[in-house]
PDBML (XML) file of the C-alpha atoms, coordinates in Angstrom:
<?xml version="1.0" encoding="UTF-8" ?>
<PDBx:datablock datablockName="MODEL"
   xmlns:PDBx="http://pdbml.pdb.org/schema/pdbx-v50.xsd"
   xmlns:xsi="http://www.w3.org/2001/XMLSchema-instance"
   xsi:schemaLocation="http://pdbml.pdb.org/schema/pdbx-v50.xsd pdbx-v50.xsd">
   <PDBx:atom_siteCategory>
      <PDBx:atom_site id="1">
         <PDBx:B_iso_or_equiv>0.00</PDBx:B_iso_or_equiv>
         <PDBx:Cartn_x>39.381</PDBx:Cartn_x>
         <PDBx:Cartn_y>-56.693</PDBx:Cartn_y>
         <PDBx:Cartn_z>-29.599</PDBx:Cartn_z>
         <PDBx:auth_asym_id>A</PDBx:auth_asym_id>
         <PDBx:auth_atom_id>CA</PDBx:auth_atom_id>
         <PDBx:auth_comp_id>ARG</PDBx:auth_comp_id>
         <PDBx:auth_seq_id>1</PDBx:auth_seq_id>
         <PDBx:group_PDB>ATOM</PDBx:group_PDB>
         <PDBx:label_alt_id xsi:nil="true" />
         <PDBx:label_asym_id>A</PDBx:label_asym_id>
         <PDBx:label_atom_id>CA</PDBx:label_atom_id>
         <PDBx:label_comp_id>ARG</PDBx:label_comp_id>
         <PDBx:label_entity_id>1</PDBx:label_entity_id>
         <PDBx:label_seq_id>1</PDBx:label_seq_id>
         <PDBx:occupancy>1.00</PDBx:occupancy>
         <PDBx:pdbx_PDB_model_num>1</PDBx:pdbx_PDB_model_num>
         <PDBx:type_symbol>C</PDBx:type_symbol>
      </PDBx:atom_site>
      <PDBx:atom_site id="2">
         <PDBx:B_iso_or_equiv>0.00</PDBx:B_iso_or_equiv>
         <PDBx:Cartn_x>42.468</PDBx:Cartn_x>
         <PDBx:Cartn_y>-59.022</PDBx:Cartn_y>
         <PDBx:Cartn_z>-28.959</PDBx:Cartn_z>
         <PDBx:auth_asym_id>A</PDBx:auth_asym_id>
         <PDBx:auth_atom_id>CA</PDBx:auth_atom_id>
         <PDBx:auth_comp_id>ASP</PDBx:auth_comp_id>
         <PDBx:auth_seq_id>2</PDBx:auth_seq_id>
         <PDBx:group_PDB>ATOM</PDBx:group_PDB>
         <PDBx:label_alt_id xsi:nil="true" />
         <PDBx:label_asym_id>A</PDBx:label_asym_id>
         <PDBx:label_atom_id>CA</PDBx:label_atom_id>
         <PDBx:label_comp_id>ASP</PDBx:label_comp_id>
         <PDBx:label_entity_id>1</PDBx:label_entity_id>
         <PDBx:label_seq_id>2</PDBx:label_seq_id>
         <PDBx:occupancy>1.00</PDBx:occupancy>
         <PDBx:pdbx_PDB_model_num>1</PDBx:pdbx_PDB_model_num>
         <PDBx:type_symbol>C</PDBx:type_symbol>
      </PDBx:atom_site>
      <PDBx:atom_site id="3">
         <PDBx:B_iso_or_equiv>0.00</PDBx:B_iso_or_equiv>
         <PDBx:Cartn_x>45.623</PDBx:Cartn_x>
         <PDBx:Cartn_y>-59.015</PDBx:Cartn_y>
         <PDBx:Cartn_z>-30.790</PDBx:Cartn_z>
         <PDBx:auth_asym_id>A</PDBx:auth_asym_id>
         <PDBx:auth_atom_id>CA</PDBx:auth_atom_id>
         <PDBx:auth_comp_id>GLU</PDBx:auth_comp_id>
         <PDBx:auth_seq_id>3</PDBx:auth_seq_id>
         <PDBx:group_PDB>ATOM</PDBx:group_PDB>
         <PDBx:label_alt_id xsi:nil="true" />
         <PDBx:label_asym_id>A</PDBx:label_asym_id>
         <PDBx:label_atom_id>CA</PDBx:label_atom_id>
         <PDBx:label_comp_id>GLU</PDBx:label_comp_id>
         <PDBx:label_entity_id>1</PDBx:label_entity_id>
         <PDBx:label_seq_id>3</PDBx:label_seq_id>
         <PDBx:occupancy>1.00</PDBx:occupancy>
         <PDBx:pdbx_PDB_model_num>1</PDBx:pdbx_PDB_model_num>
         <PDBx:type_symbol>C</PDBx:type_symbol>
      </PDBx:atom_site>
      <PDBx:atom_site id="4">
         <PDBx:B_iso_or_equiv>0.00</PDBx:B_iso_or_equiv>
         <PDBx:Cartn_x>44.079</PDBx:Cartn_x>
         <PDBx:Cartn_y>-60.684</PDBx:Cartn_y>
         <PDBx:Cartn_z>-33.593</PDBx:Cartn_z>
         <PDBx:auth_asym_id>A</PDBx:auth_asym_id>
         <PDBx:auth_atom_id>CA</PDBx:auth_atom_id>
         <PDBx:auth_comp_id>ASP</PDBx:auth_comp_id>
         <PDBx:auth_seq_id>4</PDBx:auth_seq_id>
         <PDBx:group_PDB>ATOM</PDBx:group_PDB>
         <PDBx:label_alt_id xsi:nil="true" />
         <PDBx:label_asym_id>A</PDBx:label_asym_id>
         <PDBx:label_atom_id>CA</PDBx:label_atom_id>
         <PDBx:label_comp_id>ASP</PDBx:label_comp_id>
         <PDBx:label_entity_id>1</PDBx:label_entity_id>
         <PDBx:label_seq_id>4</PDBx:label_seq_id>
         <PDBx:occupancy>1.00</PDBx:occupancy>
         <PDBx:pdbx_PDB_model_num>1</PDBx:pdbx_PDB_model_num>
         <PDBx:type_symbol>C</PDBx:type_symbol>
      </PDBx:atom_site>
      <PDBx:atom_site id="5">
         <PDBx:B_iso_or_equiv>0.00</PDBx:B_iso_or_equiv>
         <PDBx:Cartn_x>41.550</PDBx:Cartn_x>
         <PDBx:Cartn_y>-58.020</PDBx:Cartn_y>
         <PDBx:Cartn_z>-34.208</PDBx:Cartn_z>
         <PDBx:auth_asym_id>A</PDBx:auth_asym_id>
         <PDBx:auth_atom_id>CA</PDBx:auth_atom_id>
         <PDBx:auth_comp_id>GLY</PDBx:auth_comp_id>
         <PDBx:auth_seq_id>5</PDBx:auth_seq_id>
         <PDBx:group_PDB>ATOM</PDBx:group_PDB>
         <PDBx:label_alt_id xsi:nil="true" />
         <PDBx:label_asym_id>A</PDBx:label_asym_id>
         <PDBx:label_atom_id>CA</PDBx:label_atom_id>
         <PDBx:label_comp_id>GLY</PDBx:label_comp_id>
         <PDBx:label_entity_id>1</PDBx:label_entity_id>
         <PDBx:label_seq_id>5</PDBx:label_seq_id>
         <PDBx:occupancy>1.00</PDBx:occupancy>
         <PDBx:pdbx_PDB_model_num>1</PDBx:pdbx_PDB_model_num>
         <PDBx:type_symbol>C</PDBx:type_symbol>
      </PDBx:atom_site>
      <PDBx:atom_site id="6">
         <PDBx:B_iso_or_equiv>0.00</PDBx:B_iso_or_equiv>
         <PDBx:Cartn_x>37.769</PDBx:Cartn_x>
         <PDBx:Cartn_y>-58.196</PDBx:Cartn_y>
         <PDBx:Cartn_z>-33.296</PDBx:Cartn_z>
         <PDBx:auth_asym_id>A</PDBx:auth_asym_id>
         <PDBx:auth_atom_id>CA</PDBx:auth_atom_id>
         <PDBx:auth_comp_id>PHE</PDBx:auth_comp_id>
         <PDBx:auth_seq_id>6</PDBx:auth_seq_id>
         <PDBx:group_PDB>ATOM</PDBx:group_PDB>
         <PDBx:label_alt_id xsi:nil="true" />
         <PDBx:label_asym_id>A</PDBx:label_asym_id>
         <PDBx:label_atom_id>CA</PDBx:label_atom_id>
         <PDBx:label_comp_id>PHE</PDBx:label_comp_id>
         <PDBx:label_entity_id>1</PDBx:label_entity_id>
         <PDBx:label_seq_id>6</PDBx:label_seq_id>
         <PDBx:occupancy>1.00</PDBx:occupancy>
         <PDBx:pdbx_PDB_model_num>1</PDBx:pdbx_PDB_model_num>
         <PDBx:type_symbol>C</PDBx:type_symbol>
      </PDBx:atom_site>
      <PDBx:atom_site id="7">
         <PDBx:B_iso_or_equiv>0.00</PDBx:B_iso_or_equiv>
         <PDBx:Cartn_x>37.095</PDBx:Cartn_x>
         <PDBx:Cartn_y>-61.358</PDBx:Cartn_y>
         <PDBx:Cartn_z>-31.053</PDBx:Cartn_z>
         <PDBx:auth_asym_id>A</PDBx:auth_asym_id>
         <PDBx:auth_atom_id>CA</PDBx:auth_atom_id>
         <PDBx:auth_comp_id>VAL</PDBx:auth_comp_id>
         <PDBx:auth_seq_id>7</PDBx:auth_seq_id>
         <PDBx:group_PDB>ATOM</PDBx:group_PDB>
         <PDBx:label_alt_id xsi:nil="true" />
         <PDBx:label_asym_id>A</PDBx:label_asym_id>
         <PDBx:label_atom_id>CA</PDBx:label_atom_id>
         <PDBx:label_comp_id>VAL</PDBx:label_comp_id>
         <PDBx:label_entity_id>1</PDBx:label_entity_id>
         <PDBx:label_seq_id>7</PDBx:label_seq_id>
         <PDBx:occupancy>1.00</PDBx:occupancy>
         <PDBx:pdbx_PDB_model_num>1</PDBx:pdbx_PDB_model_num>
         <PDBx:type_symbol>C</PDBx:type_symbol>
      </PDBx:atom_site>
      <PDBx:atom_site id="8">
         <PDBx:B_iso_or_equiv>0.00</PDBx:B_iso_or_equiv>
         <PDBx:Cartn_x>33.530</PDBx:Cartn_x>
         <PDBx:Cartn_y>-62.139</PDBx:Cartn_y>
         <PDBx:Cartn_z>-32.601</PDBx:Cartn_z>
         <PDBx:auth_asym_id>A</PDBx:auth_asym_id>
         <PDBx:auth_atom_id>CA</PDBx:auth_atom_id>
         <PDBx:auth_comp_id>GLY</PDBx:auth_comp_id>
         <PDBx:auth_seq_id>8</PDBx:auth_seq_id>
         <PDBx:group_PDB>ATOM</PDBx:group_PDB>
         <PDBx:label_alt_id xsi:nil="true" />
         <PDBx:label_asym_id>A</PDBx:label_asym_id>
         <PDBx:label_atom_id>CA</PDBx:label_atom_id>
         <PDBx:label_comp_id>GLY</PDBx:label_comp_id>
         <PDBx:label_entity_id>1</PDBx:label_entity_id>
         <PDBx:label_seq_id>8</PDBx:label_seq_id>
         <PDBx:occupancy>1.00</PDBx:occupancy>
         <PDBx:pdbx_PDB_model_num>1</PDBx:pdbx_PDB_model_num>
         <PDBx:type_symbol>C</PDBx:type_symbol>
      </PDBx:atom_site>
      <PDBx:atom_site id="9">
         <PDBx:B_iso_or_equiv>0.00</PDBx:B_iso_or_equiv>
         <PDBx:Cartn_x>35.265</PDBx:Cartn_x>
         <PDBx:Cartn_y>-62.594</PDBx:Cartn_y>
         <PDBx:Cartn_z>-36.020</PDBx:Cartn_z>
         <PDBx:auth_asym_id>A</PDBx:auth_asym_id>
         <PDBx:auth_atom_id>CA</PDBx:auth_atom_id>
         <PDBx:auth_comp_id>ASP</PDBx:auth_comp_id>
         <PDBx:auth_seq_id>9</PDBx:auth_seq_id>
         <PDBx:group_PDB>ATOM</PDBx:group_PDB>
         <PDBx:label_alt_id xsi:nil="true" />
         <PDBx:label_asym_id>A</PDBx:label_asym_id>
         <PDBx:label_atom_id>CA</PDBx:label_atom_id>
         <PDBx:label_comp_id>ASP</PDBx:label_comp_id>
         <PDBx:label_entity_id>1</PDBx:label_entity_id>
         <PDBx:label_seq_id>9</PDBx:label_seq_id>
         <PDBx:occupancy>1.00</PDBx:occupancy>
         <PDBx:pdbx_PDB_model_num>1</PDBx:pdbx_PDB_model_num>
         <PDBx:type_symbol>C</PDBx:type_symbol>
      </PDBx:atom_site>
      <PDBx:atom_site id="10">
         <PDBx:B_iso_or_equiv>0.00</PDBx:B_iso_or_equiv>
         <PDBx:Cartn_x>36.437</PDBx:Cartn_x>
         <PDBx:Cartn_y>-65.664</PDBx:Cartn_y>
         <PDBx:Cartn_z>-34.725</PDBx:Cartn_z>
         <PDBx:auth_asym_id>A</PDBx:auth_asym_id>
         <PDBx:auth_atom_id>CA</PDBx:auth_atom_id>
         <PDBx:auth_comp_id>LYS</PDBx:auth_comp_id>
         <PDBx:auth_seq_id>10</PDBx:auth_seq_id>
         <PDBx:group_PDB>ATOM</PDBx:group_PDB>
         <PDBx:label_alt_id xsi:nil="true" />
         <PDBx:label_asym_id>A</PDBx:label_asym_id>
         <PDBx:label_atom_id>CA</PDBx:label_atom_id>
         <PDBx:label_comp_id>LYS</PDBx:label_comp_id>
         <PDBx:label_entity_id>1</PDBx:label_entity_id>
         <PDBx:label_seq_id>10</PDBx:label_seq_id>
         <PDBx:occupancy>1.00</PDBx:occupancy>
         <PDBx:pdbx_PDB_model_num>1</PDBx:pdbx_PDB_model_num>
         <PDBx:type_symbol>C</PDBx:type_symbol>
      </PDBx:atom_site>
      <PDBx:atom_site id="11">
         <PDBx:B_iso_or_equiv>0.00</PDBx:B_iso_or_equiv>
         <PDBx:Cartn_x>32.724</PDBx:Cartn_x>
         <PDBx:Cartn_y>-67.107</PDBx:Cartn_y>
         <PDBx:Cartn_z>-34.723</PDBx:Cartn_z>
         <PDBx:auth_asym_id>A</PDBx:auth_asym_id>
         <PDBx:auth_atom_id>CA</PDBx:auth_atom_id>
         <PDBx:auth_comp_id>ALA</PDBx:auth_comp_id>
         <PDBx:auth_seq_id>11</PDBx:auth_seq_id>
         <PDBx:group_PDB>ATOM</PDBx:group_PDB>
         <PDBx:label_alt_id xsi:nil="true" />
         <PDBx:label_asym_id>A</PDBx:label_asym_id>
         <PDBx:label_atom_id>CA</PDBx:label_atom_id>
         <PDBx:label_comp_id>ALA</PDBx:label_comp_id>
         <PDBx:label_entity_id>1</PDBx:label_entity_id>
         <PDBx:label_seq_id>11</PDBx:label_seq_id>
         <PDBx:occupancy>1.00</PDBx:occupancy>
         <PDBx:pdbx_PDB_model_num>1</PDBx:pdbx_PDB_model_num>
         <PDBx:type_symbol>C</PDBx:type_symbol>
      </PDBx:atom_site>
      <PDBx:atom_site id="12">
         <PDBx:B_iso_or_equiv>0.00</PDBx:B_iso_or_equiv>
         <PDBx:Cartn_x>31.460</PDBx:Cartn_x>
         <PDBx:Cartn_y>-65.744</PDBx:Cartn_y>
         <PDBx:Cartn_z>-38.020</PDBx:Cartn_z>
         <PDBx:auth_asym_id>A</PDBx:auth_asym_id>
         <PDBx:auth_atom_id>CA</PDBx:auth_atom_id>
         <PDBx:auth_comp_id>SER</PDBx:auth_comp_id>
         <PDBx:auth_seq_id>12</PDBx:auth_seq_id>
         <PDBx:group_PDB>ATOM</PDBx:group_PDB>
         <PDBx:label_alt_id xsi:nil="true" />
         <PDBx:label_asym_id>A</PDBx:label_asym_id>
         <PDBx:label_atom_id>CA</PDBx:label_atom_id>
         <PDBx:label_comp_id>SER</PDBx:label_comp_id>
         <PDBx:label_entity_id>1</PDBx:label_entity_id>
         <PDBx:label_seq_id>12</PDBx:label_seq_id>
         <PDBx:occupancy>1.00</PDBx:occupancy>
         <PDBx:pdbx_PDB_model_num>1</PDBx:pdbx_PDB_model_num>
         <PDBx:type_symbol>C</PDBx:type_symbol>
      </PDBx:atom_site>
      <PDBx:atom_site id="13">
         <PDBx:B_iso_or_equiv>0.00</PDBx:B_iso_or_equiv>
         <PDBx:Cartn_x>30.588</PDBx:Cartn_x>
         <PDBx:Cartn_y>-67.545</PDBx:Cartn_y>
         <PDBx:Cartn_z>-40.934</PDBx:Cartn_z>
         <PDBx:auth_asym_id>A</PDBx:auth_asym_id>
         <PDBx:auth_atom_id>CA</PDBx:auth_atom_id>
         <PDBx:auth_comp_id>ARG</PDBx:auth_comp_id>
         <PDBx:auth_seq_id>13</PDBx:auth_seq_id>
         <PDBx:group_PDB>ATOM</PDBx:group_PDB>
         <PDBx:label_alt_id xsi:nil="true" />
         <PDBx:label_asym_id>A</PDBx:label_asym_id>
         <PDBx:label_atom_id>CA</PDBx:label_atom_id>
         <PDBx:label_comp_id>ARG</PDBx:label_comp_id>
         <PDBx:label_entity_id>1</PDBx:label_entity_id>
         <PDBx:label_seq_id>13</PDBx:label_seq_id>
         <PDBx:occupancy>1.00</PDBx:occupancy>
         <PDBx:pdbx_PDB_model_num>1</PDBx:pdbx_PDB_model_num>
         <PDBx:type_symbol>C</PDBx:type_symbol>
      </PDBx:atom_site>
      <PDBx:atom_site id="14">
         <PDBx:B_iso_or_equiv>0.00</PDBx:B_iso_or_equiv>
         <PDBx:Cartn_x>33.781</PDBx:Cartn_x>
         <PDBx:Cartn_y>-66.702</PDBx:Cartn_y>
         <PDBx:Cartn_z>-42.498</PDBx:Cartn_z>
         <PDBx:auth_asym_id>A</PDBx:auth_asym_id>
         <PDBx:auth_atom_id>CA</PDBx:auth_atom_id>
         <PDBx:auth_comp_id>GLY</PDBx:auth_comp_id>
         <PDBx:auth_seq_id>14</PDBx:auth_seq_id>
         <PDBx:group_PDB>ATOM</PDBx:group_PDB>
         <PDBx:label_alt_id xsi:nil="true" />
         <PDBx:label_asym_id>A</PDBx:label_asym_id>
         <PDBx:label_atom_id>CA</PDBx:label_atom_id>
         <PDBx:label_comp_id>GLY</PDBx:label_comp_id>
         <PDBx:label_entity_id>1</PDBx:label_entity_id>
         <PDBx:label_seq_id>14</PDBx:label_seq_id>
         <PDBx:occupancy>1.00</PDBx:occupancy>
         <PDBx:pdbx_PDB_model_num>1</PDBx:pdbx_PDB_model_num>
         <PDBx:type_symbol>C</PDBx:type_symbol>
      </PDBx:atom_site>
      <PDBx:atom_site id="15">
         <PDBx:B_iso_or_equiv>0.00</PDBx:B_iso_or_equiv>
         <PDBx:Cartn_x>35.665</PDBx:Cartn_x>
         <PDBx:Cartn_y>-68.042</PDBx:Cartn_y>
         <PDBx:Cartn_z>-39.582</PDBx:Cartn_z>
         <PDBx:auth_asym_id>A</PDBx:auth_asym_id>
         <PDBx:auth_atom_id>CA</PDBx:auth_atom_id>
         <PDBx:auth_comp_id>ALA</PDBx:auth_comp_id>
         <PDBx:auth_seq_id>15</PDBx:auth_seq_id>
         <PDBx:group_PDB>ATOM</PDBx:group_PDB>
         <PDBx:label_alt_id xsi:nil="true" />
         <PDBx:label_asym_id>A</PDBx:label_asym_id>
         <PDBx:label_atom_id>CA</PDBx:label_atom_id>
         <PDBx:label_comp_id>ALA</PDBx:label_comp_id>
         <PDBx:label_entity_id>1</PDBx:label_entity_id>
         <PDBx:label_seq_id>15</PDBx:label_seq_id>
         <PDBx:occupancy>1.00</PDBx:occupancy>
         <PDBx:pdbx_PDB_model_num>1</PDBx:pdbx_PDB_model_num>
         <PDBx:type_symbol>C</PDBx:type_symbol>
      </PDBx:atom_site>
      <PDBx:atom_site id="16">
         <PDBx:B_iso_or_equiv>0.00</PDBx:B_iso_or_equiv>
         <PDBx:Cartn_x>34.155</PDBx:Cartn_x>
         <PDBx:Cartn_y>-71.554</PDBx:Cartn_y>
         <PDBx:Cartn_z>-40.451</PDBx:Cartn_z>
         <PDBx:auth_asym_id>A</PDBx:auth_asym_id>
         <PDBx:auth_atom_id>CA</PDBx:auth_atom_id>
         <PDBx:auth_comp_id>PHE</PDBx:auth_comp_id>
         <PDBx:auth_seq_id>16</PDBx:auth_seq_id>
         <PDBx:group_PDB>ATOM</PDBx:group_PDB>
         <PDBx:label_alt_id xsi:nil="true" />
         <PDBx:label_asym_id>A</PDBx:label_asym_id>
         <PDBx:label_atom_id>CA</PDBx:label_atom_id>
         <PDBx:label_comp_id>PHE</PDBx:label_comp_id>
         <PDBx:label_entity_id>1</PDBx:label_entity_id>
         <PDBx:label_seq_id>16</PDBx:label_seq_id>
         <PDBx:occupancy>1.00</PDBx:occupancy>
         <PDBx:pdbx_PDB_model_num>1</PDBx:pdbx_PDB_model_num>
         <PDBx:type_symbol>C</PDBx:type_symbol>
      </PDBx:atom_site>
      <PDBx:atom_site id="17">
         <PDBx:B_iso_or_equiv>0.00</PDBx:B_iso_or_equiv>
         <PDBx:Cartn_x>35.352</PDBx:Cartn_x>
         <PDBx:Cartn_y>-71.300</PDBx:Cartn_y>
         <PDBx:Cartn_z>-44.005</PDBx:Cartn_z>
         <PDBx:auth_asym_id>A</PDBx:auth_asym_id>
         <PDBx:auth_atom_id>CA</PDBx:auth_atom_id>
         <PDBx:auth_comp_id>VAL</PDBx:auth_comp_id>
         <PDBx:auth_seq_id>17</PDBx:auth_seq_id>
         <PDBx:group_PDB>ATOM</PDBx:group_PDB>
         <PDBx:label_alt_id xsi:nil="true" />
         <PDBx:label_asym_id>A</PDBx:label_asym_id>
         <PDBx:label_atom_id>CA</PDBx:label_atom_id>
         <PDBx:label_comp_id>VAL</PDBx:label_comp_id>
         <PDBx:label_entity_id>1</PDBx:label_entity_id>
         <PDBx:label_seq_id>17</PDBx:label_seq_id>
         <PDBx:occupancy>1.00</PDBx:occupancy>
         <PDBx:pdbx_PDB_model_num>1</PDBx:pdbx_PDB_model_num>
         <PDBx:type_symbol>C</PDBx:type_symbol>
      </PDBx:atom_site>
      <PDBx:atom_site id="18">
         <PDBx:B_iso_or_equiv>0.00</PDBx:B_iso_or_equiv>
         <PDBx:Cartn_x>38.742</PDBx:Cartn_x>
         <PDBx:Cartn_y>-70.354</PDBx:Cartn_y>
         <PDBx:Cartn_z>-42.514</PDBx:Cartn_z>
         <PDBx:auth_asym_id>A</PDBx:auth_asym_id>
         <PDBx:auth_atom_id>CA</PDBx:auth_atom_id>
         <PDBx:auth_comp_id>GLU</PDBx:auth_comp_id>
         <PDBx:auth_seq_id>18</PDBx:auth_seq_id>
         <PDBx:group_PDB>ATOM</PDBx:group_PDB>
         <PDBx:label_alt_id xsi:nil="true" />
         <PDBx:label_asym_id>A</PDBx:label_asym_id>
         <PDBx:label_atom_id>CA</PDBx:label_atom_id>
         <PDBx:label_comp_id>GLU</PDBx:label_comp_id>
         <PDBx:label_entity_id>1</PDBx:label_entity_id>
         <PDBx:label_seq_id>18</PDBx:label_seq_id>
         <PDBx:occupancy>1.00</PDBx:occupancy>
         <PDBx:pdbx_PDB_model_num>1</PDBx:pdbx_PDB_model_num>
         <PDBx:type_symbol>C</PDBx:type_symbol>
      </PDBx:atom_site>
      <PDBx:atom_site id="19">
         <PDBx:B_iso_or_equiv>0.00</PDBx:B_iso_or_equiv>
         <PDBx:Cartn_x>38.750</PDBx:Cartn_x>
         <PDBx:Cartn_y>-73.760</PDBx:Cartn_y>
         <PDBx:Cartn_z>-40.487</PDBx:Cartn_z>
         <PDBx:auth_asym_id>A</PDBx:auth_asym_id>
         <PDBx:auth_atom_id>CA</PDBx:auth_atom_id>
         <PDBx:auth_comp_id>HIS</PDBx:auth_comp_id>
         <PDBx:auth_seq_id>19</PDBx:auth_seq_id>
         <PDBx:group_PDB>ATOM</PDBx:group_PDB>
         <PDBx:label_alt_id xsi:nil="true" />
         <PDBx:label_asym_id>A</PDBx:label_asym_id>
         <PDBx:label_atom_id>CA</PDBx:label_atom_id>
         <PDBx:label_comp_id>HIS</PDBx:label_comp_id>
         <PDBx:label_entity_id>1</PDBx:label_entity_id>
         <PDBx:label_seq_id>19</PDBx:label_seq_id>
         <PDBx:occupancy>1.00</PDBx:occupancy>
         <PDBx:pdbx_PDB_model_num>1</PDBx:pdbx_PDB_model_num>
         <PDBx:type_symbol>C</PDBx:type_symbol>
      </PDBx:atom_site>
      <PDBx:atom_site id="20">
         <PDBx:B_iso_or_equiv>0.00</PDBx:B_iso_or_equiv>
         <PDBx:Cartn_x>37.819</PDBx:Cartn_x>
         <PDBx:Cartn_y>-75.750</PDBx:Cartn_y>
         <PDBx:Cartn_z>-43.380</PDBx:Cartn_z>
         <PDBx:auth_asym_id>A</PDBx:auth_asym_id>
         <PDBx:auth_atom_id>CA</PDBx:auth_atom_id>
         <PDBx:auth_comp_id>LEU</PDBx:auth_comp_id>
         <PDBx:auth_seq_id>20</PDBx:auth_seq_id>
         <PDBx:group_PDB>ATOM</PDBx:group_PDB>
         <PDBx:label_alt_id xsi:nil="true" />
         <PDBx:label_asym_id>A</PDBx:label_asym_id>
         <PDBx:label_atom_id>CA</PDBx:label_atom_id>
         <PDBx:label_comp_id>LEU</PDBx:label_comp_id>
         <PDBx:label_entity_id>1</PDBx:label_entity_id>
         <PDBx:label_seq_id>20</PDBx:label_seq_id>
         <PDBx:occupancy>1.00</PDBx:occupancy>
         <PDBx:pdbx_PDB_model_num>1</PDBx:pdbx_PDB_model_num>
         <PDBx:type_symbol>C</PDBx:type_symbol>
      </PDBx:atom_site>
      <PDBx:atom_site id="21">
         <PDBx:B_iso_or_equiv>0.00</PDBx:B_iso_or_equiv>
         <PDBx:Cartn_x>40.210</PDBx:Cartn_x>
         <PDBx:Cartn_y>-74.162</PDBx:Cartn_y>
         <PDBx:Cartn_z>-45.822</PDBx:Cartn_z>
         <PDBx:auth_asym_id>A</PDBx:auth_asym_id>
         <PDBx:auth_atom_id>CA</PDBx:auth_atom_id>
         <PDBx:auth_comp_id>ASP</PDBx:auth_comp_id>
         <PDBx:auth_seq_id>21</PDBx:auth_seq_id>
         <PDBx:group_PDB>ATOM</PDBx:group_PDB>
         <PDBx:label_alt_id xsi:nil="true" />
         <PDBx:label_asym_id>A</PDBx:label_asym_id>
         <PDBx:label_atom_id>CA</PDBx:label_atom_id>
         <PDBx:label_comp_id>ASP</PDBx:label_comp_id>
         <PDBx:label_entity_id>1</PDBx:label_entity_id>
         <PDBx:label_seq_id>21</PDBx:label_seq_id>
         <PDBx:occupancy>1.00</PDBx:occupancy>
         <PDBx:pdbx_PDB_model_num>1</PDBx:pdbx_PDB_model_num>
         <PDBx:type_symbol>C</PDBx:type_symbol>
      </PDBx:atom_site>
      <PDBx:atom_site id="22">
         <PDBx:B_iso_or_equiv>0.00</PDBx:B_iso_or_equiv>
         <PDBx:Cartn_x>43.045</PDBx:Cartn_x>
         <PDBx:Cartn_y>-74.812</PDBx:Cartn_y>
         <PDBx:Cartn_z>-43.020</PDBx:Cartn_z>
         <PDBx:auth_asym_id>A</PDBx:auth_asym_id>
         <PDBx:auth_atom_id>CA</PDBx:auth_atom_id>
         <PDBx:auth_comp_id>ALA</PDBx:auth_comp_id>
         <PDBx:auth_seq_id>22</PDBx:auth_seq_id>
         <PDBx:group_PDB>ATOM</PDBx:group_PDB>
         <PDBx:label_alt_id xsi:nil="true" />
         <PDBx:label_asym_id>A</PDBx:label_asym_id>
         <PDBx:label_atom_id>CA</PDBx:label_atom_id>
         <PDBx:label_comp_id>ALA</PDBx:label_comp_id>
         <PDBx:label_entity_id>1</PDBx:label_entity_id>
         <PDBx:label_seq_id>22</PDBx:label_seq_id>
         <PDBx:occupancy>1.00</PDBx:occupancy>
         <PDBx:pdbx_PDB_model_num>1</PDBx:pdbx_PDB_model_num>
         <PDBx:type_symbol>C</PDBx:type_symbol>
      </PDBx:atom_site>
      <PDBx:atom_site id="23">
         <PDBx:B_iso_or_equiv>0.00</PDBx:B_iso_or_equiv>
         <PDBx:Cartn_x>42.183</PDBx:Cartn_x>
         <PDBx:Cartn_y>-78.375</PDBx:Cartn_y>
         <PDBx:Cartn_z>-42.814</PDBx:Cartn_z>
         <PDBx:auth_asym_id>A</PDBx:auth_asym_id>
         <PDBx:auth_atom_id>CA</PDBx:auth_atom_id>
         <PDBx:auth_comp_id>LEU</PDBx:auth_comp_id>
         <PDBx:auth_seq_id>23</PDBx:auth_seq_id>
         <PDBx:group_PDB>ATOM</PDBx:group_PDB>
         <PDBx:label_alt_id xsi:nil="true" />
         <PDBx:label_asym_id>A</PDBx:label_asym_id>
         <PDBx:label_atom_id>CA</PDBx:label_atom_id>
         <PDBx:label_comp_id>LEU</PDBx:label_comp_id>
         <PDBx:label_entity_id>1</PDBx:label_entity_id>
         <PDBx:label_seq_id>23</PDBx:label_seq_id>
         <PDBx:occupancy>1.00</PDBx:occupancy>
         <PDBx:pdbx_PDB_model_num>1</PDBx:pdbx_PDB_model_num>
         <PDBx:type_symbol>C</PDBx:type_symbol>
      </PDBx:atom_site>
      <PDBx:atom_site id="24">
         <PDBx:B_iso_or_equiv>0.00</PDBx:B_iso_or_equiv>
         <PDBx:Cartn_x>42.118</PDBx:Cartn_x>
         <PDBx:Cartn_y>-78.585</PDBx:Cartn_y>
         <PDBx:Cartn_z>-46.710</PDBx:Cartn_z>
         <PDBx:auth_asym_id>A</PDBx:auth_asym_id>
         <PDBx:auth_atom_id>CA</PDBx:auth_atom_id>
         <PDBx:auth_comp_id>ARG</PDBx:auth_comp_id>
         <PDBx:auth_seq_id>24</PDBx:auth_seq_id>
         <PDBx:group_PDB>ATOM</PDBx:group_PDB>
         <PDBx:label_alt_id xsi:nil="true" />
         <PDBx:label_asym_id>A</PDBx:label_asym_id>
         <PDBx:label_atom_id>CA</PDBx:label_atom_id>
         <PDBx:label_comp_id>ARG</PDBx:label_comp_id>
         <PDBx:label_entity_id>1</PDBx:label_entity_id>
         <PDBx:label_seq_id>24</PDBx:label_seq_id>
         <PDBx:occupancy>1.00</PDBx:occupancy>
         <PDBx:pdbx_PDB_model_num>1</PDBx:pdbx_PDB_model_num>
         <PDBx:type_symbol>C</PDBx:type_symbol>
      </PDBx:atom_site>
   </PDBx:atom_siteCategory>
</PDBx:datablock>
């Protein structure tokens, strides 16, 4: 964990979607 929650969540399939959505 860090201040944002579970560290591993930054490299899940959902994390890729978040990167794409932020760009869009």
